[in-house]
Amino acid sequence: MKKYLVISIVLVFVGVLVSCGTRQTTSAYTPMASLNGEWKIVELNGKSLNASETGQTINFDIPRLAFSGNAGCNRMSGNIEFPTNTTNNNVIKFLQVISTRMACPDMSGEQELFKVLDNIVRYEASPATGKVIFYGMDNTRIMVIER
């Protein structure tokens, strides 16, 4: 009897160790995989942008749940989150956005981009145009990106 008790305790202990070492992967986020890679920011708050003039880009690294890019003057990076407790697979949040601190003559476009990233709540891909549209809480279109 003592032998079975020891074996049971060892099995439970091993099970706990294995489950603690298990890490959630991004395989549950496969619909978001299409975002992976570099994109040009072509619209902010309804204003069309010339990506070659603004230099604003965003690069999604979906497996790492991270993003990086160029805000116009400074480099930016941060984390992204796709909440799994929702029925809408297109929910996205930009978290812990950081940037370098270079001073440039006109920082207004960059400041606007940071405000937009903070307000994004969902996205929608448009296969017909090859663009991805991001929306705010009030369902207004606040950012558009394209490859």
N, C-alpha and C. Protein backbone atom coordinates (compact mmCIF):
# COMPACT_ATOMS: atom_id res chain seq x y z
N MET A 1 0.82 -1.20 0.00
CA MET A 1 0.00 0.00 0.00
C MET A 1 0.87 1.26 0.00
N LYS A 2 1.92 1.23 0.82
CA LYS A 2 2.82 2.38 0.91
C LYS A 2 3.49 2.63 -0.45
N LYS A 3 3.78 1.53 -1.14
CA LYS A 3 4.42 1.63 -2.46
C LYS A 3 3.52 2.37 -3.45
N TYR A 4 2.21 2.09 -3.44
CA TYR A 4 1.27 2.75 -4.34
C TYR A 4 1.10 4.23 -3.98
N LEU A 5 1.14 4.54 -2.72
CA LEU A 5 1.04 5.92 -2.28
C LEU A 5 2.24 6.73 -2.76
N VAL A 6 3.43 6.17 -2.65
CA VAL A 6 4.64 6.85 -3.11
C VAL A 6 4.60 7.04 -4.62
N ILE A 7 4.19 6.01 -5.35
CA ILE A 7 4.09 6.11 -6.82
C ILE A 7 3.07 7.18 -7.20
N SER A 8 1.93 7.22 -6.53
CA SER A 8 0.90 8.23 -6.82
C SER A 8 1.41 9.64 -6.57
N ILE A 9 2.10 9.83 -5.47
CA ILE A 9 2.65 11.15 -5.16
C ILE A 9 3.67 11.57 -6.19
N VAL A 10 4.54 10.66 -6.62
CA VAL A 10 5.54 10.97 -7.64
C VAL A 10 4.86 11.33 -8.95
N LEU A 11 3.83 10.58 -9.35
CA LEU A 11 3.12 10.88 -10.60
C LEU A 11 2.44 12.25 -10.55
N VAL A 12 1.82 12.56 -9.44
CA VAL A 12 1.19 13.88 -9.29
C VAL A 12 2.24 14.98 -9.37
N PHE A 13 3.37 14.80 -8.70
CA PHE A 13 4.44 15.77 -8.71
C PHE A 13 4.98 15.99 -10.13
N VAL A 14 5.20 14.91 -10.87
CA VAL A 14 5.68 15.01 -12.26
C VAL A 14 4.63 15.71 -13.12
N GLY A 15 3.37 15.39 -12.92
CA GLY A 15 2.30 16.05 -13.67
C GLY A 15 2.26 17.54 -13.44
N VAL A 16 2.45 17.96 -12.19
CA VAL A 16 2.47 19.38 -11.86
C VAL A 16 3.66 20.06 -12.51
N LEU A 17 4.82 19.43 -12.46
CA LEU A 17 6.01 20.01 -13.09
C LEU A 17 5.84 20.16 -14.60
N VAL A 18 5.28 19.17 -15.24
CA VAL A 18 5.08 19.23 -16.70
C VAL A 18 4.09 20.32 -17.05
N SER A 19 2.99 20.42 -16.30
CA SER A 19 1.99 21.44 -16.62
C SER A 19 2.52 22.85 -16.35
N CYS A 20 3.37 23.01 -15.37
CA CYS A 20 3.96 24.33 -15.10
C CYS A 20 4.92 24.75 -16.20
N GLY A 21 5.55 23.79 -16.83
CA GLY A 21 6.50 24.08 -17.90
C GLY A 21 5.83 24.31 -19.23
N THR A 22 4.55 24.02 -19.34
CA THR A 22 3.83 24.19 -20.60
C THR A 22 3.52 25.66 -20.80
N ARG A 23 3.85 26.17 -21.96
CA ARG A 23 3.64 27.57 -22.26
C ARG A 23 2.64 27.69 -23.39
N GLN A 24 1.74 28.64 -23.30
CA GLN A 24 0.76 28.83 -24.35
C GLN A 24 1.48 29.33 -25.59
N THR A 25 1.21 28.69 -26.71
CA THR A 25 1.82 29.12 -27.96
C THR A 25 0.82 29.96 -28.74
N THR A 26 1.29 30.53 -29.82
CA THR A 26 0.41 31.38 -30.62
C THR A 26 -0.36 30.58 -31.66
N SER A 27 -0.32 29.23 -31.58
CA SER A 27 -1.05 28.44 -32.56
C SER A 27 -2.54 28.73 -32.51
N ALA A 28 -3.05 29.17 -31.35
CA ALA A 28 -4.46 29.52 -31.24
C ALA A 28 -4.76 30.79 -32.03
N TYR A 29 -3.74 31.52 -32.43
CA TYR A 29 -3.93 32.80 -33.11
C TYR A 29 -3.70 32.70 -34.61
N THR A 30 -3.89 31.54 -35.19
CA THR A 30 -3.60 31.37 -36.61
C THR A 30 -4.32 32.36 -37.53
N PRO A 31 -5.56 32.81 -37.23
CA PRO A 31 -6.18 33.80 -38.12
C PRO A 31 -5.38 35.10 -38.20
N MET A 32 -4.59 35.40 -37.18
CA MET A 32 -3.82 36.63 -37.17
C MET A 32 -2.50 36.51 -37.92
N ALA A 33 -2.15 35.29 -38.32
CA ALA A 33 -0.87 35.06 -39.00
C ALA A 33 -0.74 35.89 -40.27
N SER A 34 -1.85 36.24 -40.90
CA SER A 34 -1.79 37.04 -42.12
C SER A 34 -1.24 38.45 -41.86
N LEU A 35 -1.25 38.88 -40.61
CA LEU A 35 -0.68 40.20 -40.28
C LEU A 35 0.84 40.17 -40.26
N ASN A 36 1.42 39.00 -40.13
CA ASN A 36 2.87 38.87 -39.96
C ASN A 36 3.63 39.58 -41.08
N GLY A 37 4.69 40.29 -40.72
CA GLY A 37 5.53 40.95 -41.70
C GLY A 37 5.42 42.47 -41.66
N GLU A 38 6.07 43.10 -42.63
CA GLU A 38 6.16 44.56 -42.67
C GLU A 38 5.04 45.17 -43.50
N TRP A 39 4.50 46.28 -43.00
CA TRP A 39 3.40 47.01 -43.64
C TRP A 39 3.72 48.50 -43.65
N LYS A 40 3.19 49.20 -44.66
CA LYS A 40 3.27 50.66 -44.71
C LYS A 40 1.98 51.23 -44.13
N ILE A 41 2.09 52.28 -43.36
CA ILE A 41 0.91 52.95 -42.82
C ILE A 41 0.48 53.99 -43.85
N VAL A 42 -0.71 53.79 -44.42
CA VAL A 42 -1.16 54.65 -45.52
C VAL A 42 -2.34 55.55 -45.16
N GLU A 43 -2.87 55.40 -43.94
CA GLU A 43 -3.96 56.27 -43.51
C GLU A 43 -4.00 56.32 -42.00
N LEU A 44 -4.16 57.53 -41.46
CA LEU A 44 -4.35 57.74 -40.02
C LEU A 44 -5.52 58.69 -39.81
N ASN A 45 -6.47 58.30 -39.00
CA ASN A 45 -7.64 59.14 -38.68
C ASN A 45 -8.29 59.75 -39.92
N GLY A 46 -8.44 58.95 -40.95
CA GLY A 46 -9.13 59.40 -42.16
C GLY A 46 -8.27 60.19 -43.14
N LYS A 47 -7.01 60.46 -42.79
CA LYS A 47 -6.13 61.22 -43.69
C LYS A 47 -5.22 60.25 -44.43
N SER A 48 -5.23 60.33 -45.76
CA SER A 48 -4.32 59.51 -46.56
C SER A 48 -2.89 59.97 -46.36
N LEU A 49 -1.98 59.01 -46.29
CA LEU A 49 -0.57 59.32 -46.10
C LEU A 49 0.23 58.75 -47.25
N ASN A 50 1.29 59.44 -47.61
CA ASN A 50 2.25 58.92 -48.58
C ASN A 50 3.34 58.25 -47.77
N ALA A 51 3.34 56.91 -47.78
CA ALA A 51 4.27 56.15 -46.93
C ALA A 51 5.73 56.47 -47.22
N SER A 52 6.05 56.79 -48.48
CA SER A 52 7.45 57.11 -48.78
C SER A 52 7.86 58.46 -48.20
N GLU A 53 6.91 59.35 -47.99
CA GLU A 53 7.20 60.65 -47.37
C GLU A 53 7.24 60.56 -45.85
N THR A 54 6.27 59.84 -45.26
CA THR A 54 6.20 59.79 -43.79
C THR A 54 7.20 58.79 -43.21
N GLY A 55 7.49 57.74 -43.96
CA GLY A 55 8.39 56.69 -43.47
C GLY A 55 7.77 55.83 -42.39
N GLN A 56 6.47 55.96 -42.17
CA GLN A 56 5.81 55.20 -41.11
C GLN A 56 5.53 53.76 -41.56
N THR A 57 6.08 52.83 -40.81
CA THR A 57 5.88 51.40 -41.09
C THR A 57 5.59 50.67 -39.80
N ILE A 58 5.00 49.48 -39.94
CA ILE A 58 4.78 48.62 -38.78
C ILE A 58 5.07 47.19 -39.20
N ASN A 59 5.79 46.50 -38.36
CA ASN A 59 6.19 45.12 -38.65
C ASN A 59 5.66 44.22 -37.54
N PHE A 60 4.77 43.29 -37.90
CA PHE A 60 4.18 42.38 -36.93
C PHE A 60 5.00 41.09 -36.85
N ASP A 61 5.28 40.67 -35.64
CA ASP A 61 5.94 39.39 -35.37
C ASP A 61 4.93 38.57 -34.55
N ILE A 62 4.01 37.93 -35.24
CA ILE A 62 2.90 37.24 -34.59
C ILE A 62 3.37 36.11 -33.66
N PRO A 63 4.33 35.28 -34.06
CA PRO A 63 4.76 34.23 -33.13
C PRO A 63 5.25 34.76 -31.78
N ARG A 64 5.86 35.94 -31.78
CA ARG A 64 6.35 36.55 -30.54
C ARG A 64 5.34 37.50 -29.90
N LEU A 65 4.19 37.69 -30.57
CA LEU A 65 3.17 38.65 -30.12
C LEU A 65 3.78 40.02 -29.89
N ALA A 66 4.52 40.48 -30.91
CA ALA A 66 5.22 41.76 -30.81
C ALA A 66 5.09 42.53 -32.12
N PHE A 67 5.41 43.81 -32.06
CA PHE A 67 5.48 44.63 -33.27
C PHE A 67 6.64 45.59 -33.12
N SER A 68 7.08 46.12 -34.26
CA SER A 68 8.11 47.14 -34.29
C SER A 68 7.85 47.97 -35.53
N GLY A 69 8.62 49.01 -35.71
CA GLY A 69 8.44 49.81 -36.91
C GLY A 69 9.06 51.18 -36.77
N ASN A 70 8.69 52.03 -37.73
CA ASN A 70 9.18 53.40 -37.76
C ASN A 70 7.98 54.32 -37.63
N ALA A 71 8.00 55.18 -36.64
CA ALA A 71 6.89 56.09 -36.40
C ALA A 71 7.02 57.37 -37.23
N GLY A 72 8.06 57.50 -38.00
CA GLY A 72 8.29 58.68 -38.82
C GLY A 72 9.66 59.25 -38.55
N CYS A 73 9.96 59.46 -37.30
CA CYS A 73 11.27 59.96 -36.87
C CYS A 73 11.96 58.91 -35.99
N ASN A 74 11.21 58.32 -35.11
CA ASN A 74 11.74 57.38 -34.13
C ASN A 74 11.31 55.95 -34.43
N ARG A 75 12.12 55.02 -33.97
CA ARG A 75 11.77 53.59 -34.01
C ARG A 75 10.79 53.32 -32.88
N MET A 76 9.88 52.38 -33.10
CA MET A 76 8.92 52.01 -32.07
C MET A 76 8.84 50.50 -31.96
N SER A 77 8.38 50.02 -30.83
CA SER A 77 8.15 48.60 -30.66
C SER A 77 7.20 48.41 -29.48
N GLY A 78 6.72 47.19 -29.34
CA GLY A 78 5.80 46.88 -28.25
C GLY A 78 5.24 45.49 -28.41
N ASN A 79 4.23 45.21 -27.64
CA ASN A 79 3.57 43.91 -27.67
C ASN A 79 2.17 44.06 -28.25
N ILE A 80 1.67 42.95 -28.78
CA ILE A 80 0.29 42.92 -29.24
C ILE A 80 -0.41 41.79 -28.51
N GLU A 81 -1.70 41.96 -28.38
CA GLU A 81 -2.49 40.95 -27.69
C GLU A 81 -3.75 40.67 -28.50
N PHE A 82 -4.04 39.40 -28.64
CA PHE A 82 -5.26 38.94 -29.28
C PHE A 82 -6.07 38.22 -28.21
N PRO A 83 -6.99 38.89 -27.54
CA PRO A 83 -7.74 38.23 -26.47
C PRO A 83 -8.45 36.98 -26.97
N THR A 84 -8.32 35.91 -26.21
CA THR A 84 -8.93 34.63 -26.62
C THR A 84 -10.32 34.46 -26.03
N ASN A 85 -10.73 35.35 -25.14
CA ASN A 85 -12.04 35.22 -24.50
C ASN A 85 -13.12 36.00 -25.25
N THR A 86 -13.01 36.08 -26.54
CA THR A 86 -13.98 36.82 -27.35
C THR A 86 -14.39 35.99 -28.55
N THR A 87 -15.57 36.24 -29.06
CA THR A 87 -16.03 35.52 -30.24
C THR A 87 -15.51 36.17 -31.52
N ASN A 88 -14.99 37.37 -31.41
CA ASN A 88 -14.46 38.09 -32.57
C ASN A 88 -12.96 37.85 -32.66
N ASN A 89 -12.52 37.12 -33.69
CA ASN A 89 -11.10 36.82 -33.85
C ASN A 89 -10.27 38.03 -34.27
N ASN A 90 -10.89 39.14 -34.57
CA ASN A 90 -10.16 40.30 -35.07
C ASN A 90 -9.90 41.35 -34.00
N VAL A 91 -10.03 40.97 -32.74
CA VAL A 91 -9.74 41.91 -31.65
C VAL A 91 -8.22 41.96 -31.48
N ILE A 92 -7.69 43.18 -31.33
CA ILE A 92 -6.25 43.36 -31.15
C ILE A 92 -6.00 44.54 -30.22
N LYS A 93 -4.96 44.42 -29.43
CA LYS A 93 -4.54 45.52 -28.56
C LYS A 93 -3.04 45.71 -28.71
N PHE A 94 -2.61 46.96 -28.72
CA PHE A 94 -1.19 47.30 -28.76
C PHE A 94 -0.79 47.69 -27.33
N LEU A 95 0.18 46.97 -26.79
CA LEU A 95 0.56 47.15 -25.39
C LEU A 95 2.02 47.56 -25.27
N GLN A 96 2.35 48.28 -24.22
CA GLN A 96 3.72 48.63 -23.88
C GLN A 96 4.49 49.22 -25.08
N VAL A 97 3.87 50.18 -25.73
CA VAL A 97 4.50 50.83 -26.89
C VAL A 97 5.63 51.72 -26.39
N ILE A 98 6.82 51.51 -26.94
CA ILE A 98 7.98 52.33 -26.60
C ILE A 98 8.60 52.87 -27.88
N SER A 99 9.40 53.91 -27.75
CA SER A 99 10.08 54.46 -28.92
C SER A 99 11.39 55.10 -28.51
N THR A 100 12.24 55.30 -29.53
CA THR A 100 13.45 56.07 -29.29
C THR A 100 13.02 57.52 -29.09
N ARG A 101 13.91 58.39 -28.70
CA ARG A 101 13.55 59.77 -28.35
C ARG A 101 14.31 60.82 -29.14
N MET A 102 14.45 60.60 -30.43
CA MET A 102 15.13 61.61 -31.26
C MET A 102 14.17 62.78 -31.50
N ALA A 103 14.71 63.96 -31.56
CA ALA A 103 13.90 65.15 -31.84
C ALA A 103 13.95 65.44 -33.34
N CYS A 104 12.80 65.68 -33.91
CA CYS A 104 12.70 66.00 -35.33
C CYS A 104 11.89 67.28 -35.49
N PRO A 105 12.02 67.95 -36.64
CA PRO A 105 11.33 69.23 -36.84
C PRO A 105 9.81 69.13 -36.68
N ASP A 106 9.19 68.05 -37.21
CA ASP A 106 7.74 67.91 -37.11
C ASP A 106 7.40 66.54 -36.53
N MET A 107 6.95 66.54 -35.30
CA MET A 107 6.64 65.28 -34.61
C MET A 107 5.13 65.00 -34.58
N SER A 108 4.33 65.83 -35.25
CA SER A 108 2.87 65.70 -35.15
C SER A 108 2.36 64.36 -35.69
N GLY A 109 2.90 63.91 -36.82
CA GLY A 109 2.46 62.63 -37.39
C GLY A 109 2.81 61.46 -36.49
N GLU A 110 3.96 61.55 -35.88
CA GLU A 110 4.40 60.50 -34.96
C GLU A 110 3.53 60.46 -33.71
N GLN A 111 3.23 61.61 -33.16
CA GLN A 111 2.38 61.69 -31.98
C GLN A 111 0.98 61.16 -32.29
N GLU A 112 0.48 61.48 -33.47
CA GLU A 112 -0.83 60.99 -33.88
C GLU A 112 -0.83 59.46 -33.99
N LEU A 113 0.24 58.89 -34.54
CA LEU A 113 0.35 57.44 -34.67
C LEU A 113 0.30 56.77 -33.30
N PHE A 114 1.02 57.30 -32.32
CA PHE A 114 1.02 56.71 -30.98
C PHE A 114 -0.37 56.77 -30.34
N LYS A 115 -1.09 57.86 -30.55
CA LYS A 115 -2.46 57.95 -30.03
C LYS A 115 -3.37 56.93 -30.70
N VAL A 116 -3.20 56.76 -32.01
CA VAL A 116 -4.00 55.79 -32.76
C VAL A 116 -3.74 54.37 -32.25
N LEU A 117 -2.47 54.01 -32.09
CA LEU A 117 -2.14 52.66 -31.61
C LEU A 117 -2.78 52.39 -30.25
N ASP A 118 -2.84 53.41 -29.43
CA ASP A 118 -3.44 53.27 -28.11
C ASP A 118 -4.96 53.05 -28.18
N ASN A 119 -5.58 53.51 -29.25
CA ASN A 119 -7.04 53.44 -29.37
C ASN A 119 -7.56 52.29 -30.23
N ILE A 120 -6.68 51.54 -30.86
CA ILE A 120 -7.13 50.44 -31.73
C ILE A 120 -7.70 49.31 -30.89
N VAL A 121 -8.86 48.77 -31.35
CA VAL A 121 -9.47 47.65 -30.65
C VAL A 121 -9.73 46.44 -31.55
N ARG A 122 -9.80 46.67 -32.85
CA ARG A 122 -10.01 45.54 -33.76
C ARG A 122 -9.49 45.88 -35.15
N TYR A 123 -9.38 44.84 -35.98
CA TYR A 123 -8.91 45.04 -37.35
C TYR A 123 -9.73 44.19 -38.30
N GLU A 124 -9.63 44.53 -39.56
CA GLU A 124 -10.35 43.81 -40.61
C GLU A 124 -9.48 43.80 -41.86
N ALA A 125 -9.20 42.62 -42.37
CA ALA A 125 -8.41 42.51 -43.60
C ALA A 125 -9.33 42.63 -44.80
N SER A 126 -8.87 43.31 -45.83
CA SER A 126 -9.62 43.46 -47.06
C SER A 126 -8.84 42.79 -48.19
N PRO A 127 -9.13 41.52 -48.47
CA PRO A 127 -8.38 40.80 -49.51
C PRO A 127 -8.46 41.49 -50.88
N ALA A 128 -9.57 42.15 -51.17
CA ALA A 128 -9.73 42.80 -52.47
C ALA A 128 -8.71 43.92 -52.68
N THR A 129 -8.39 44.65 -51.61
CA THR A 129 -7.46 45.78 -51.74
C THR A 129 -6.07 45.45 -51.20
N GLY A 130 -5.95 44.36 -50.44
CA GLY A 130 -4.67 44.01 -49.83
C GLY A 130 -4.33 44.89 -48.64
N LYS A 131 -5.35 45.55 -48.10
CA LYS A 131 -5.13 46.45 -46.96
C LYS A 131 -5.74 45.85 -45.69
N VAL A 132 -5.24 46.32 -44.56
CA VAL A 132 -5.80 45.96 -43.26
C VAL A 132 -6.27 47.26 -42.62
N ILE A 133 -7.51 47.25 -42.16
CA ILE A 133 -8.13 48.44 -41.57
C ILE A 133 -8.27 48.21 -40.07
N PHE A 134 -7.86 49.20 -39.27
CA PHE A 134 -7.96 49.13 -37.82
C PHE A 134 -9.02 50.11 -37.35
N TYR A 135 -9.78 49.70 -36.35
CA TYR A 135 -10.91 50.48 -35.86
C TYR A 135 -10.74 50.81 -34.38
N GLY A 136 -11.34 51.94 -33.98
CA GLY A 136 -11.35 52.35 -32.59
C GLY A 136 -12.60 51.85 -31.88
N MET A 137 -12.75 52.24 -30.62
CA MET A 137 -13.89 51.81 -29.79
C MET A 137 -15.24 52.20 -30.39
N ASP A 138 -15.30 53.35 -31.03
CA ASP A 138 -16.57 53.80 -31.60
C ASP A 138 -16.77 53.29 -33.02
N ASN A 139 -15.96 52.28 -33.40
CA ASN A 139 -16.04 51.62 -34.71
C ASN A 139 -15.66 52.53 -35.87
N THR A 140 -14.90 53.59 -35.59
CA THR A 140 -14.42 54.44 -36.68
C THR A 140 -13.08 53.89 -37.17
N ARG A 141 -12.86 54.07 -38.43
CA ARG A 141 -11.62 53.62 -39.07
C ARG A 141 -10.52 54.59 -38.69
N ILE A 142 -9.47 54.09 -37.99
CA ILE A 142 -8.44 55.02 -37.52
C ILE A 142 -7.05 54.76 -38.09
N MET A 143 -6.84 53.58 -38.71
CA MET A 143 -5.54 53.33 -39.34
C MET A 143 -5.72 52.29 -40.45
N VAL A 144 -5.00 52.51 -41.55
CA VAL A 144 -5.00 51.56 -42.66
C VAL A 144 -3.55 51.27 -43.01
N ILE A 145 -3.25 49.97 -43.22
CA ILE A 145 -1.89 49.57 -43.63
C ILE A 145 -1.96 48.73 -44.90
N GLU A 146 -0.87 48.73 -45.65
CA GLU A 146 -0.79 47.89 -46.84
C GLU A 146 0.66 47.44 -47.01
N ARG A 147 0.84 46.39 -47.78
CA ARG A 147 2.20 45.86 -48.00
C ARG A 147 2.94 46.71 -49.00
